[in-house]
Each structure stands twice: as structure tokens, then as C-alpha cells.
């Protein structure tokens, strides 16, 4: 299987789970929130709507830039690649 040649099975599962959960947490910081327990219609936000991130705003782009720099810095510092 091609997937096993790229990375071990447990590493791929861990990477998928980490990506999925981080996406859900990031979406929970937006004004609209996320339906964590889908078919229930509860919208869950981790911050009050007054300070939630508006999708597509300049604040979101700045936050994304800072997080990208932290990720790149930590990858370079810890030598993952």
C-alpha cells in the first residue's frame, strides 16, 4: 500500500486526527462556531461572540500568519523534517 510507504500506519492516523481536531478547534473560535455533536444543532464556540474571529477578516489573516510562523519555527527548531 502506498500510504504505508510514506509513513507508518499509526503516524498517519495521528496526523489525520491532529489535523481534524485542530480544524474543529479553530472553527470553534469563529462567530458561527461548530456543530461538534452533529445531528444536534448546538453551535459551540470557545469564545464569546463579541471577541470571536470573523471569517475572512484581517484579524483572522494576522492570527493565521502568527500560527504559521510558530509552526514553521517549531518544525525547524525540533528538526522534524
C-alpha atoms as a PDB file:
ATOM      1  CA  UNK A   1       0.000   0.000   0.000  1.00  0.00           C
ATOM      2  CA  UNK A   2       1.344   3.427  -0.919  1.00  0.00           C
ATOM      3  CA  UNK A   3       0.301   5.026   2.400  1.00  0.00           C
ATOM      4  CA  UNK A   4       2.483   2.647   4.397  1.00  0.00           C
ATOM      5  CA  UNK A   5       5.498   3.530   2.263  1.00  0.00           C
ATOM      6  CA  UNK A   6       5.095   7.232   3.077  1.00  0.00           C
ATOM      7  CA  UNK A   7       4.627   6.863   6.820  1.00  0.00           C
ATOM      8  CA  UNK A   8       3.766   4.180   9.323  1.00  0.00           C
ATOM      9  CA  UNK A   9       0.112   3.489   9.888  1.00  0.00           C
ATOM     10  CA  UNK A  10      -0.007   4.945  13.418  1.00  0.00           C
ATOM     11  CA  UNK A  11       1.782   8.138  12.323  1.00  0.00           C
ATOM     12  CA  UNK A  12      -0.744   8.697   9.538  1.00  0.00           C
ATOM     13  CA  UNK A  13      -3.664   8.154  11.891  1.00  0.00           C
ATOM     14  CA  UNK A  14      -2.152  10.544  14.436  1.00  0.00           C
ATOM     15  CA  UNK A  15      -1.553  13.191  11.760  1.00  0.00           C
ATOM     16  CA  UNK A  16      -5.128  12.867  10.483  1.00  0.00           C
ATOM     17  CA  UNK A  17      -6.587  13.060  13.993  1.00  0.00           C
ATOM     18  CA  UNK A  18      -4.442  16.072  14.912  1.00  0.00           C
ATOM     19  CA  UNK A  19      -5.428  17.874  11.713  1.00  0.00           C
ATOM     20  CA  UNK A  20      -9.114  17.117  12.189  1.00  0.00           C
ATOM     21  CA  UNK A  21      -9.194  18.221  15.833  1.00  0.00           C
ATOM     22  CA  UNK A  22      -7.169  21.374  15.220  1.00  0.00           C
ATOM     23  CA  UNK A  23      -9.551  22.319  12.408  1.00  0.00           C
ATOM     24  CA  UNK A  24     -12.559  21.841  14.705  1.00  0.00           C
ATOM     25  CA  UNK A  25     -10.933  23.892  17.481  1.00  0.00           C
ATOM     26  CA  UNK A  26     -10.008  26.679  15.052  1.00  0.00           C
ATOM     27  CA  UNK A  27     -13.556  26.766  13.691  1.00  0.00           C
ATOM     28  CA  UNK A  28     -14.841  26.955  17.266  1.00  0.00           C
ATOM     29  CA  UNK A  29     -13.086  30.327  17.572  1.00  0.00           C
ATOM     30  CA  UNK A  30     -15.242  31.839  14.804  1.00  0.00           C
ATOM     31  CA  UNK A  31     -18.537  33.699  15.213  1.00  0.00           C
ATOM     32  CA  UNK A  32     -20.610  30.850  13.814  1.00  0.00           C
ATOM     33  CA  UNK A  33     -18.995  28.102  15.898  1.00  0.00           C
ATOM     34  CA  UNK A  34     -19.107  24.384  15.065  1.00  0.00           C
ATOM     35  CA  UNK A  35     -21.627  21.594  15.461  1.00  0.00           C
ATOM     36  CA  UNK A  36     -19.339  19.260  17.426  1.00  0.00           C
ATOM     37  CA  UNK A  37     -22.157  16.800  18.038  1.00  0.00           C
ATOM     38  CA  UNK A  38     -23.718  16.724  14.596  1.00  0.00           C
ATOM     39  CA  UNK A  39     -27.024  15.913  14.116  1.00  0.00           C
ATOM     40  CA  UNK A  40     -27.686  18.102  17.152  1.00  0.00           C
ATOM     41  CA  UNK A  41     -27.831  21.744  16.139  1.00  0.00           C
ATOM     42  CA  UNK A  42     -25.855  23.150  19.073  1.00  0.00           C
ATOM     43  CA  UNK A  43     -23.279  25.647  17.847  1.00  0.00           C
ATOM     44  CA  UNK A  44     -20.241  25.516  20.132  1.00  0.00           C
ATOM     45  CA  UNK A  45     -17.895  28.499  20.390  1.00  0.00           C
ATOM     46  CA  UNK A  46     -14.893  28.635  22.706  1.00  0.00           C
ATOM     47  CA  UNK A  47     -15.000  32.440  22.978  1.00  0.00           C
ATOM     48  CA  UNK A  48     -17.855  34.929  23.404  1.00  0.00           C
ATOM     49  CA  UNK A  49     -19.361  36.127  20.134  1.00  0.00           C
ATOM     50  CA  UNK A  50     -18.156  39.683  20.828  1.00  0.00           C
ATOM     51  CA  UNK A  51     -14.490  38.624  20.556  1.00  0.00           C
ATOM     52  CA  UNK A  52     -14.865  35.694  18.161  1.00  0.00           C
ATOM     53  CA  UNK A  53     -12.874  35.750  14.937  1.00  0.00           C
ATOM     54  CA  UNK A  54     -14.840  36.778  11.849  1.00  0.00           C
ATOM     55  CA  UNK A  55     -14.042  34.508   8.905  1.00  0.00           C
ATOM     56  CA  UNK A  56     -12.103  36.338   6.190  1.00  0.00           C
ATOM     57  CA  UNK A  57     -11.221  39.321   8.390  1.00  0.00           C
ATOM     58  CA  UNK A  58      -7.811  40.946   8.726  1.00  0.00           C
ATOM     59  CA  UNK A  59      -7.612  39.639  12.296  1.00  0.00           C
ATOM     60  CA  UNK A  60      -8.012  36.082  11.025  1.00  0.00           C
ATOM     61  CA  UNK A  61      -5.223  36.589   8.491  1.00  0.00           C
ATOM     62  CA  UNK A  62      -2.899  38.009  11.158  1.00  0.00           C
ATOM     63  CA  UNK A  63      -3.706  35.127  13.514  1.00  0.00           C
ATOM     64  CA  UNK A  64      -3.086  32.635  10.723  1.00  0.00           C
ATOM     65  CA  UNK A  65       0.263  34.275   9.948  1.00  0.00           C
ATOM     66  CA  UNK A  66       1.392  34.104  13.578  1.00  0.00           C
ATOM     67  CA  UNK A  67       0.335  30.467  13.883  1.00  0.00           C
ATOM     68  CA  UNK A  68       2.112  29.596  10.626  1.00  0.00           C
ATOM     69  CA  UNK A  69       5.322  31.229  11.882  1.00  0.00           C
ATOM     70  CA  UNK A  70       5.073  29.328  15.171  1.00  0.00           C
ATOM     71  CA  UNK A  71       4.539  26.071  13.306  1.00  0.00           C
ATOM     72  CA  UNK A  72       7.431  26.669  10.906  1.00  0.00           C
ATOM     73  CA  UNK A  73       9.701  27.754  13.763  1.00  0.00           C
ATOM     74  CA  UNK A  74       8.874  24.715  15.852  1.00  0.00           C
ATOM     75  CA  UNK A  75       9.411  22.352  12.910  1.00  0.00           C
ATOM     76  CA  UNK A  76      12.794  23.928  12.191  1.00  0.00           C
ATOM     77  CA  UNK A  77      13.781  24.045  15.873  1.00  0.00           C
ATOM     78  CA  UNK A  78      12.826  20.449  16.629  1.00  0.00           C
ATOM     79  CA  UNK A  79      14.137  19.188  13.272  1.00  0.00           C
ATOM     80  CA  UNK A  80      11.063  17.241  12.261  1.00  0.00           C
ATOM     81  CA  UNK A  81      11.867  17.429   8.562  1.00  0.00           C
END
